[in-house]
C-alpha atoms as a PDB file:
ATOM      1  CA  UNK A   1       0.248   0.169   0.099  1.00  0.00           C
ATOM      2  CA  UNK A   2       1.558   3.560  -1.633  1.00  0.00           C
ATOM      3  CA  UNK A   3       1.457   6.040   1.228  1.00  0.00           C
ATOM      4  CA  UNK A   4       2.699   9.671   1.163  1.00  0.00           C
ATOM      5  CA  UNK A   5       3.825  12.542   3.253  1.00  0.00           C
ATOM      6  CA  UNK A   6       2.120  16.117   2.949  1.00  0.00           C
ATOM      7  CA  UNK A   7       4.147  19.514   4.583  1.00  0.00           C
ATOM      8  CA  UNK A   8       2.169  21.738   5.089  1.00  0.00           C
ATOM      9  CA  UNK A   9       3.258  25.291   4.804  1.00  0.00           C
ATOM     10  CA  UNK A  10       4.271  28.692   7.158  1.00  0.00           C
ATOM     11  CA  UNK A  11       6.769  30.017   7.059  1.00  0.00           C
ATOM     12  CA  UNK A  12       8.534  29.970  10.489  1.00  0.00           C
ATOM     13  CA  UNK A  13       5.356  27.571  11.226  1.00  0.00           C
ATOM     14  CA  UNK A  14       7.529  25.404  10.022  1.00  0.00           C
ATOM     15  CA  UNK A  15      10.288  24.796  12.807  1.00  0.00           C
ATOM     16  CA  UNK A  16       7.443  22.643  13.827  1.00  0.00           C
ATOM     17  CA  UNK A  17       7.844  20.463  10.965  1.00  0.00           C
ATOM     18  CA  UNK A  18      11.746  20.135  10.957  1.00  0.00           C
ATOM     19  CA  UNK A  19      11.179  18.673  14.489  1.00  0.00           C
ATOM     20  CA  UNK A  20       8.423  16.306  13.239  1.00  0.00           C
ATOM     21  CA  UNK A  21      10.596  15.263  10.665  1.00  0.00           C
ATOM     22  CA  UNK A  22      14.069  14.697  13.007  1.00  0.00           C
ATOM     23  CA  UNK A  23      11.586  12.192  14.662  1.00  0.00           C
ATOM     24  CA  UNK A  24      10.490  10.632  11.043  1.00  0.00           C
ATOM     25  CA  UNK A  25      14.023  10.592  11.108  1.00  0.00           C
ATOM     26  CA  UNK A  26      15.241   9.061  14.173  1.00  0.00           C
ATOM     27  CA  UNK A  27      13.067   6.165  13.933  1.00  0.00           C
ATOM     28  CA  UNK A  28      13.563   5.323  10.193  1.00  0.00           C
ATOM     29  CA  UNK A  29       9.728   6.136   8.986  1.00  0.00           C
ATOM     30  CA  UNK A  30       9.759   6.628   5.163  1.00  0.00           C
ATOM     31  CA  UNK A  31       6.747   7.397   2.853  1.00  0.00           C
ATOM     32  CA  UNK A  32       6.621   6.355  -1.099  1.00  0.00           C
ATOM     33  CA  UNK A  33       6.296  10.487  -2.388  1.00  0.00           C
ATOM     34  CA  UNK A  34       5.796  13.460  -0.751  1.00  0.00           C
ATOM     35  CA  UNK A  35       4.664  17.014  -1.534  1.00  0.00           C
ATOM     36  CA  UNK A  36       5.695  20.747   0.406  1.00  0.00           C
ATOM     37  CA  UNK A  37       4.575  23.859  -0.262  1.00  0.00           C
ATOM     38  CA  UNK A  38       6.039  26.750   0.390  1.00  0.00           C
ATOM     39  CA  UNK A  39       8.359  26.176   4.318  1.00  0.00           C
ATOM     40  CA  UNK A  40       6.782  22.935   4.164  1.00  0.00           C
ATOM     41  CA  UNK A  41       8.914  22.065   0.857  1.00  0.00           C
ATOM     42  CA  UNK A  42      11.536  24.513   1.414  1.00  0.00           C
ATOM     43  CA  UNK A  43      12.601  22.486   4.595  1.00  0.00           C
ATOM     44  CA  UNK A  44      11.117  19.147   3.737  1.00  0.00           C
ATOM     45  CA  UNK A  45      13.850  18.260   1.551  1.00  0.00           C
ATOM     46  CA  UNK A  46      16.563  18.187   4.587  1.00  0.00           C
ATOM     47  CA  UNK A  47      14.114  14.993   5.394  1.00  0.00           C
ATOM     48  CA  UNK A  48      14.657  12.958   1.994  1.00  0.00           C
ATOM     49  CA  UNK A  49      18.641  14.079   1.710  1.00  0.00           C
ATOM     50  CA  UNK A  50      18.609  12.769   5.976  1.00  0.00           C
ATOM     51  CA  UNK A  51      20.035  15.794   7.641  1.00  0.00           C
ATOM     52  CA  UNK A  52      18.206  15.834  10.441  1.00  0.00           C
ATOM     53  CA  UNK A  53      18.744  19.238  12.909  1.00  0.00           C
ATOM     54  CA  UNK A  54      20.000  20.895  10.089  1.00  0.00           C
ATOM     55  CA  UNK A  55      16.848  22.608   9.881  1.00  0.00           C
ATOM     56  CA  UNK A  56      17.268  24.504  13.436  1.00  0.00           C
ATOM     57  CA  UNK A  57      20.534  25.058  12.867  1.00  0.00           C
ATOM     58  CA  UNK A  58      20.175  27.102   9.799  1.00  0.00           C
ATOM     59  CA  UNK A  59      17.565  28.823  10.792  1.00  0.00           C
ATOM     60  CA  UNK A  60      18.267  30.330  14.133  1.00  0.00           C
ATOM     61  CA  UNK A  61      22.503  31.235  13.096  1.00  0.00           C
ATOM     62  CA  UNK A  62      21.129  33.503  10.273  1.00  0.00           C
ATOM     63  CA  UNK A  63      17.458  34.547  10.274  1.00  0.00           C
ATOM     64  CA  UNK A  64      18.375  37.117  13.087  1.00  0.00           C
ATOM     65  CA  UNK A  65      21.142  38.848  10.202  1.00  0.00           C
ATOM     66  CA  UNK A  66      19.676  41.619   8.447  1.00  0.00           C
ATOM     67  CA  UNK A  67      20.552  40.235   5.505  1.00  0.00           C
ATOM     68  CA  UNK A  68      19.439  37.805   5.311  1.00  0.00           C
ATOM     69  CA  UNK A  69      15.499  37.785   6.545  1.00  0.00           C
ATOM     70  CA  UNK A  70      12.562  41.129   6.760  1.00  0.00           C
ATOM     71  CA  UNK A  71      12.850  45.162   5.555  1.00  0.00           C
ATOM     72  CA  UNK A  72      16.684  44.670   4.402  1.00  0.00           C
ATOM     73  CA  UNK A  73      16.160  42.366   1.730  1.00  0.00           C
ATOM     74  CA  UNK A  74      12.889  43.878   0.678  1.00  0.00           C
ATOM     75  CA  UNK A  75      14.272  46.500   0.215  1.00  0.00           C
ATOM     76  CA  UNK A  76      17.143  45.734  -1.900  1.00  0.00           C
ATOM     77  CA  UNK A  77      15.858  42.847  -4.088  1.00  0.00           C
ATOM     78  CA  UNK A  78      11.931  42.940  -3.010  1.00  0.00           C
ATOM     79  CA  UNK A  79      12.383  39.265  -1.316  1.00  0.00           C
ATOM     80  CA  UNK A  80      11.427  39.161   2.552  1.00  0.00           C
ATOM     81  CA  UNK A  81      14.260  36.671   1.704  1.00  0.00           C
ATOM     82  CA  UNK A  82      17.386  37.028   0.849  1.00  0.00           C
ATOM     83  CA  UNK A  83      17.605  34.996  -2.767  1.00  0.00           C
ATOM     84  CA  UNK A  84      21.785  34.946  -2.957  1.00  0.00           C
ATOM     85  CA  UNK A  85      22.363  34.483   0.737  1.00  0.00           C
ATOM     86  CA  UNK A  86      19.496  31.401   2.024  1.00  0.00           C
ATOM     87  CA  UNK A  87      18.985  30.193  -1.986  1.00  0.00           C
ATOM     88  CA  UNK A  88      22.770  30.534  -3.284  1.00  0.00           C
ATOM     89  CA  UNK A  89      25.422  31.341   0.285  1.00  0.00           C
ATOM     90  CA  UNK A  90      23.747  29.213   3.300  1.00  0.00           C
ATOM     91  CA  UNK A  91      23.282  25.412   0.953  1.00  0.00           C
ATOM     92  CA  UNK A  92      26.037  25.145  -1.114  1.00  0.00           C
ATOM     93  CA  UNK A  93      28.283  26.784   1.749  1.00  0.00           C
ATOM     94  CA  UNK A  94      27.536  28.564   4.697  1.00  0.00           C
ATOM     95  CA  UNK A  95      25.597  24.820   5.548  1.00  0.00           C
ATOM     96  CA  UNK A  96      26.076  22.634   2.841  1.00  0.00           C
ATOM     97  CA  UNK A  97      23.496  21.302   2.198  1.00  0.00           C
ATOM     98  CA  UNK A  98      23.663  17.355   1.201  1.00  0.00           C
ATOM     99  CA  UNK A  99      21.902  16.662  -2.883  1.00  0.00           C
ATOM    100  CA  UNK A 100      23.257  13.846  -3.599  1.00  0.00           C
ATOM    101  CA  UNK A 101      21.988  12.455  -0.472  1.00  0.00           C
ATOM    102  CA  UNK A 102      19.018  13.283  -1.684  1.00  0.00           C
ATOM    103  CA  UNK A 103      18.547  12.241  -4.744  1.00  0.00           C
ATOM    104  CA  UNK A 104      19.290   9.113  -4.000  1.00  0.00           C
ATOM    105  CA  UNK A 105      16.999   8.725  -1.345  1.00  0.00           C
ATOM    106  CA  UNK A 106      14.411   6.692  -3.736  1.00  0.00           C
ATOM    107  CA  UNK A 107      11.328   9.047  -2.292  1.00  0.00           C
ATOM    108  CA  UNK A 108      10.068  11.322  -4.580  1.00  0.00           C
ATOM    109  CA  UNK A 109       8.673  14.545  -3.542  1.00  0.00           C
ATOM    110  CA  UNK A 110       7.440  17.510  -5.074  1.00  0.00           C
ATOM    111  CA  UNK A 111       6.199  21.075  -4.712  1.00  0.00           C
ATOM    112  CA  UNK A 112       3.495  23.115  -5.127  1.00  0.00           C
ATOM    113  CA  UNK A 113       4.063  26.705  -6.680  1.00  0.00           C
ATOM    114  CA  UNK A 114       0.778  29.332  -8.050  1.00  0.00           C
ATOM    115  CA  UNK A 115       1.715  30.280 -11.324  1.00  0.00           C
ATOM    116  CA  UNK A 116       0.086  33.894 -11.503  1.00  0.00           C
ATOM    117  CA  UNK A 117      -0.960  34.049 -14.694  1.00  0.00           C
ATOM    118  CA  UNK A 118      -3.789  31.075 -13.758  1.00  0.00           C
ATOM    119  CA  UNK A 119      -3.909  30.961  -9.847  1.00  0.00           C
ATOM    120  CA  UNK A 120      -3.745  27.030  -9.788  1.00  0.00           C
ATOM    121  CA  UNK A 121      -1.618  24.693  -7.896  1.00  0.00           C
ATOM    122  CA  UNK A 122       1.704  23.298  -9.663  1.00  0.00           C
ATOM    123  CA  UNK A 123       2.955  20.025  -8.826  1.00  0.00           C
ATOM    124  CA  UNK A 124       6.303  20.422  -9.491  1.00  0.00           C
ATOM    125  CA  UNK A 125       9.319  16.940  -9.047  1.00  0.00           C
ATOM    126  CA  UNK A 126      11.727  18.150  -6.942  1.00  0.00           C
ATOM    127  CA  UNK A 127      15.261  15.652  -8.516  1.00  0.00           C
ATOM    128  CA  UNK A 128      17.156  17.222  -7.487  1.00  0.00           C
ATOM    129  CA  UNK A 129      17.599  20.724  -4.501  1.00  0.00           C
ATOM    130  CA  UNK A 130      20.271  22.719  -6.496  1.00  0.00           C
ATOM    131  CA  UNK A 131      19.626  22.660  -9.981  1.00  0.00           C
ATOM    132  CA  UNK A 132      16.156  23.412  -9.231  1.00  0.00           C
ATOM    133  CA  UNK A 133      16.517  25.416  -6.732  1.00  0.00           C
ATOM    134  CA  UNK A 134      13.973  28.069  -7.720  1.00  0.00           C
ATOM    135  CA  UNK A 135      11.440  25.755  -7.966  1.00  0.00           C
ATOM    136  CA  UNK A 136      11.982  25.849  -4.243  1.00  0.00           C
ATOM    137  CA  UNK A 137      12.296  29.698  -4.198  1.00  0.00           C
ATOM    138  CA  UNK A 138       8.755  30.459  -6.369  1.00  0.00           C
ATOM    139  CA  UNK A 139       6.843  27.178  -3.315  1.00  0.00           C
ATOM    140  CA  UNK A 140       8.007  29.342  -0.415  1.00  0.00           C
ATOM    141  CA  UNK A 141       7.895  33.172  -2.317  1.00  0.00           C
ATOM    142  CA  UNK A 142       5.352  34.389  -0.261  1.00  0.00           C
ATOM    143  CA  UNK A 143       2.539  36.983  -2.138  1.00  0.00           C
ATOM    144  CA  UNK A 144       3.141  41.453  -0.896  1.00  0.00           C
ATOM    145  CA  UNK A 145       6.255  40.541   0.488  1.00  0.00           C
ATOM    146  CA  UNK A 146       8.678  38.604  -2.506  1.00  0.00           C
ATOM    147  CA  UNK A 147       8.960  38.782  -6.764  1.00  0.00           C
ATOM    148  CA  UNK A 148       7.556  36.248  -8.720  1.00  0.00           C
ATOM    149  CA  UNK A 149       9.537  33.251 -10.085  1.00  0.00           C
ATOM    150  CA  UNK A 150      10.028  33.197 -13.097  1.00  0.00           C
ATOM    151  CA  UNK A 151      10.426  29.690 -14.315  1.00  0.00           C
ATOM    152  CA  UNK A 152      10.875  28.332 -18.334  1.00  0.00           C
ATOM    153  CA  UNK A 153       9.276  31.101 -19.206  1.00  0.00           C
ATOM    154  CA  UNK A 154       6.299  31.209 -16.393  1.00  0.00           C
ATOM    155  CA  UNK A 155       5.822  33.394 -12.977  1.00  0.00           C
ATOM    156  CA  UNK A 156       5.146  31.035  -9.256  1.00  0.00           C
ATOM    157  CA  UNK A 157       4.134  32.365  -6.225  1.00  0.00           C
ATOM    158  CA  UNK A 158       3.909  30.330  -2.970  1.00  0.00           C
ATOM    159  CA  UNK A 159       2.251  26.792  -3.346  1.00  0.00           C
ATOM    160  CA  UNK A 160       0.584  28.304  -0.233  1.00  0.00           C
ATOM    161  CA  UNK A 161      -1.809  30.508  -2.240  1.00  0.00           C
ATOM    162  CA  UNK A 162      -4.237  27.943  -4.462  1.00  0.00           C
ATOM    163  CA  UNK A 163      -2.916  25.307  -2.461  1.00  0.00           C
ATOM    164  CA  UNK A 164      -2.728  24.832   1.019  1.00  0.00           C
ATOM    165  CA  UNK A 165      -2.343  21.117   1.984  1.00  0.00           C
ATOM    166  CA  UNK A 166      -2.155  19.176  -1.083  1.00  0.00           C
ATOM    167  CA  UNK A 167      -3.147  16.068  -0.167  1.00  0.00           C
ATOM    168  CA  UNK A 168      -6.198  15.131  -2.621  1.00  0.00           C
ATOM    169  CA  UNK A 169      -3.386  15.615  -5.453  1.00  0.00           C
ATOM    170  CA  UNK A 170      -1.878  13.144  -3.542  1.00  0.00           C
ATOM    171  CA  UNK A 171      -4.303  10.477  -2.982  1.00  0.00           C
ATOM    172  CA  UNK A 172      -4.835  10.989  -6.787  1.00  0.00           C
ATOM    173  CA  UNK A 173      -1.199   9.737  -7.481  1.00  0.00           C
ATOM    174  CA  UNK A 174      -1.739   5.691  -6.176  1.00  0.00           C
ATOM    175  CA  UNK A 175      -1.641   6.930  -2.165  1.00  0.00           C
ATOM    176  CA  UNK A 176      -4.194   4.456  -0.697  1.00  0.00           C
ATOM    177  CA  UNK A 177      -2.833   5.780   2.939  1.00  0.00           C
ATOM    178  CA  UNK A 178      -1.713   9.310   4.107  1.00  0.00           C
ATOM    179  CA  UNK A 179       1.253  11.680   6.368  1.00  0.00           C
ATOM    180  CA  UNK A 180      -0.560  15.128   6.778  1.00  0.00           C
ATOM    181  CA  UNK A 181       1.497  17.362   8.827  1.00  0.00           C
ATOM    182  CA  UNK A 182      -0.004  20.838   9.543  1.00  0.00           C
ATOM    183  CA  UNK A 183       1.747  23.789  11.193  1.00  0.00           C
ATOM    184  CA  UNK A 184      -1.794  24.963  12.577  1.00  0.00           C
ATOM    185  CA  UNK A 185      -4.243  22.933  15.954  1.00  0.00           C
ATOM    186  CA  UNK A 186      -6.851  21.463  15.132  1.00  0.00           C
ATOM    187  CA  UNK A 187      -9.458  24.974  15.896  1.00  0.00           C
ATOM    188  CA  UNK A 188      -7.346  26.516  13.731  1.00  0.00           C
ATOM    189  CA  UNK A 189      -9.294  27.905  10.170  1.00  0.00           C
ATOM    190  CA  UNK A 190      -8.377  30.867   8.684  1.00  0.00           C
ATOM    191  CA  UNK A 191     -10.533  34.366   7.927  1.00  0.00           C
ATOM    192  CA  UNK A 192     -10.895  36.328   5.453  1.00  0.00           C
ATOM    193  CA  UNK A 193      -8.034  38.041   3.444  1.00  0.00           C
ATOM    194  CA  UNK A 194      -7.812  42.063   4.028  1.00  0.00           C
ATOM    195  CA  UNK A 195     -10.283  42.798   0.617  1.00  0.00           C
ATOM    196  CA  UNK A 196      -7.470  46.093   0.686  1.00  0.00           C
ATOM    197  CA  UNK A 197      -4.851  44.582   0.608  1.00  0.00           C
ATOM    198  CA  UNK A 198      -5.574  42.199  -2.217  1.00  0.00           C
ATOM    199  CA  UNK A 199      -6.583  44.915  -4.281  1.00  0.00           C
ATOM    200  CA  UNK A 200      -2.542  45.276  -4.477  1.00  0.00           C
ATOM    201  CA  UNK A 201      -3.042  43.005  -6.919  1.00  0.00           C
ATOM    202  CA  UNK A 202      -6.248  43.015  -8.511  1.00  0.00           C
ATOM    203  CA  UNK A 203      -4.578  44.845 -11.598  1.00  0.00           C
ATOM    204  CA  UNK A 204      -1.804  42.835 -13.064  1.00  0.00           C
ATOM    205  CA  UNK A 205      -3.011  39.269 -11.614  1.00  0.00           C
ATOM    206  CA  UNK A 206      -6.660  39.361 -10.884  1.00  0.00           C
ATOM    207  CA  UNK A 207      -6.443  35.939 -11.002  1.00  0.00           C
ATOM    208  CA  UNK A 208      -4.100  35.454  -7.157  1.00  0.00           C
ATOM    209  CA  UNK A 209      -6.376  37.666  -6.719  1.00  0.00           C
ATOM    210  CA  UNK A 210      -9.450  35.622  -6.625  1.00  0.00           C
ATOM    211  CA  UNK A 211      -7.437  33.629  -5.500  1.00  0.00           C
ATOM    212  CA  UNK A 212      -7.172  35.673  -1.797  1.00  0.00           C
ATOM    213  CA  UNK A 213     -10.642  36.859  -1.585  1.00  0.00           C
ATOM    214  CA  UNK A 214     -11.170  32.212  -1.880  1.00  0.00           C
ATOM    215  CA  UNK A 215      -8.286  31.566   0.384  1.00  0.00           C
ATOM    216  CA  UNK A 216     -10.075  30.779   4.072  1.00  0.00           C
ATOM    217  CA  UNK A 217     -12.794  29.559   2.044  1.00  0.00           C
ATOM    218  CA  UNK A 218     -11.225  26.545   0.376  1.00  0.00           C
ATOM    219  CA  UNK A 219      -7.912  25.397   3.650  1.00  0.00           C
ATOM    220  CA  UNK A 220     -11.159  25.435   6.087  1.00  0.00           C
ATOM    221  CA  UNK A 221     -12.414  22.899   3.333  1.00  0.00           C
ATOM    222  CA  UNK A 222      -9.781  21.692   3.558  1.00  0.00           C
ATOM    223  CA  UNK A 223      -9.403  21.147   6.933  1.00  0.00           C
ATOM    224  CA  UNK A 224     -12.514  19.583   7.222  1.00  0.00           C
ATOM    225  CA  UNK A 225     -12.360  17.398   4.364  1.00  0.00           C
ATOM    226  CA  UNK A 226      -9.142  16.348   6.054  1.00  0.00           C
ATOM    227  CA  UNK A 227     -10.909  15.599   9.462  1.00  0.00           C
ATOM    228  CA  UNK A 228     -12.899  13.358   8.150  1.00  0.00           C
ATOM    229  CA  UNK A 229     -10.087  11.163   5.755  1.00  0.00           C
ATOM    230  CA  UNK A 230      -8.070  10.957   9.415  1.00  0.00           C
ATOM    231  CA  UNK A 231     -12.253   9.299  11.457  1.00  0.00           C
ATOM    232  CA  UNK A 232     -11.845   6.334   8.582  1.00  0.00           C
ATOM    233  CA  UNK A 233      -8.351   6.102   9.519  1.00  0.00           C
ATOM    234  CA  UNK A 234      -7.391   6.685   5.631  1.00  0.00           C
ATOM    235  CA  UNK A 235      -5.139  10.130   6.673  1.00  0.00           C
ATOM    236  CA  UNK A 236      -2.222   9.862  10.654  1.00  0.00           C
ATOM    237  CA  UNK A 237      -2.153  13.450  10.643  1.00  0.00           C
ATOM    238  CA  UNK A 238       0.383  15.603  13.080  1.00  0.00           C
ATOM    239  CA  UNK A 239      -1.042  18.581  14.694  1.00  0.00           C
ATOM    240  CA  UNK A 240       0.280  21.477  16.857  1.00  0.00           C
ATOM    241  CA  UNK A 241      -0.639  19.404  20.891  1.00  0.00           C
ATOM    242  CA  UNK A 242      -1.248  23.610  20.994  1.00  0.00           C
ATOM    243  CA  UNK A 243      -1.384  27.063  19.662  1.00  0.00           C
ATOM    244  CA  UNK A 244       1.792  28.024  17.528  1.00  0.00           C
ATOM    245  CA  UNK A 245       2.575  31.991  18.608  1.00  0.00           C
ATOM    246  CA  UNK A 246       5.510  32.578  16.692  1.00  0.00           C
ATOM    247  CA  UNK A 247       5.775  35.467  14.196  1.00  0.00           C
ATOM    248  CA  UNK A 248       5.666  34.368  10.033  1.00  0.00           C
ATOM    249  CA  UNK A 249       9.226  35.854   9.673  1.00  0.00           C
ATOM    250  CA  UNK A 250      10.756  35.171  12.421  1.00  0.00           C
ATOM    251  CA  UNK A 251      14.433  36.541  13.650  1.00  0.00           C
ATOM    252  CA  UNK A 252      14.281  35.348  17.522  1.00  0.00           C
ATOM    253  CA  UNK A 253      16.640  32.282  18.218  1.00  0.00           C
ATOM    254  CA  UNK A 254      14.513  30.721  21.304  1.00  0.00           C
ATOM    255  CA  UNK A 255      10.957  31.167  19.658  1.00  0.00           C
ATOM    256  CA  UNK A 256      12.093  29.048  16.880  1.00  0.00           C
ATOM    257  CA  UNK A 257      13.501  26.480  19.607  1.00  0.00           C
ATOM    258  CA  UNK A 258      10.568  26.783  21.171  1.00  0.00           C
ATOM    259  CA  UNK A 259       8.635  25.821  17.967  1.00  0.00           C
ATOM    260  CA  UNK A 260      10.669  23.091  16.445  1.00  0.00           C
ATOM    261  CA  UNK A 261      11.403  21.531  20.509  1.00  0.00           C
ATOM    262  CA  UNK A 262       6.906  20.724  20.408  1.00  0.00           C
ATOM    263  CA  UNK A 263       7.725  18.807  17.041  1.00  0.00           C
ATOM    264  CA  UNK A 264       9.928  16.540  18.511  1.00  0.00           C
ATOM    265  CA  UNK A 265       7.590  16.501  21.162  1.00  0.00           C
ATOM    266  CA  UNK A 266       3.785  15.739  19.537  1.00  0.00           C
ATOM    267  CA  UNK A 267       5.720  13.423  17.177  1.00  0.00           C
ATOM    268  CA  UNK A 268       6.924  11.372  20.299  1.00  0.00           C
ATOM    269  CA  UNK A 269       3.597  11.916  21.226  1.00  0.00           C
ATOM    270  CA  UNK A 270       2.759  10.175  17.932  1.00  0.00           C
ATOM    271  CA  UNK A 271       5.149   8.323  17.230  1.00  0.00           C
ATOM    272  CA  UNK A 272       3.442   4.520  17.816  1.00  0.00           C
ATOM    273  CA  UNK A 273      -0.007   5.461  16.894  1.00  0.00           C
ATOM    274  CA  UNK A 274       1.998   6.264  13.932  1.00  0.00           C
ATOM    275  CA  UNK A 275       3.812   3.006  13.263  1.00  0.00           C
ATOM    276  CA  UNK A 276       0.563   1.183  14.111  1.00  0.00           C
ATOM    277  CA  UNK A 277      -1.582   3.146  11.039  1.00  0.00           C
ATOM    278  CA  UNK A 278       1.291   3.270   8.403  1.00  0.00           C
ATOM    279  CA  UNK A 279       1.389  -1.330   9.933  1.00  0.00           C
ATOM    280  CA  UNK A 280      -1.970  -1.640   8.696  1.00  0.00           C
ATOM    281  CA  UNK A 281      -3.351  -2.804   5.090  1.00  0.00           C
END
């Protein structure tokens, strides 16, 4: 029976996902394929490369640097996360990503990005992180604070705009069982985004503006459907046991560590149930 892994985004709430995946590495929890959105994609590739602790390590080290994340790169590059620093210098030199181990993992990994013309999600297989870094960057390019990323003549933004929790796509790929890692607690429901903010996209990218207006409805519908799959034992969901109180571009290492440790704790708490779920035919 084919098992898929779904990783929600959420910017620095992704420290929670990093903690969960590090427990998966400790206990050799393996899947047949995986899909990540935004931070879920950017952090999730370290699960395939087997680099336990890398996400929390480099986030605590580099997030406080004003040249890495925040207003300065936003003003200089139009991106709240510096493209050169975060996507080139860190993974290639300062805290190297193991692309060879990633490629040898044998687990197909997909990143979700949103096409800015159609506002539809596209699911891009990442065969090599280094050669396809722009696909990952596109998946994590948050609206309003990031420039669209051009790939093969098409421009993309954050995958969460169009498919925040892509479990239905993974089911359609032939996965009969799902492990889903969320970064919101069970009581969370998304509220409508400010129409005034969305108007910033209305003229140039009208389909994106429409998606943003509908996003809370689509997200909340996905949460309800996922709860049904969970009750039917077709999905095993690991979600924060309490609300995560952290900024989307959090720089405080202690706060990042706290969210990471919540992921470790929740994954350990659910470990035996997850192993039983995976053993069921």
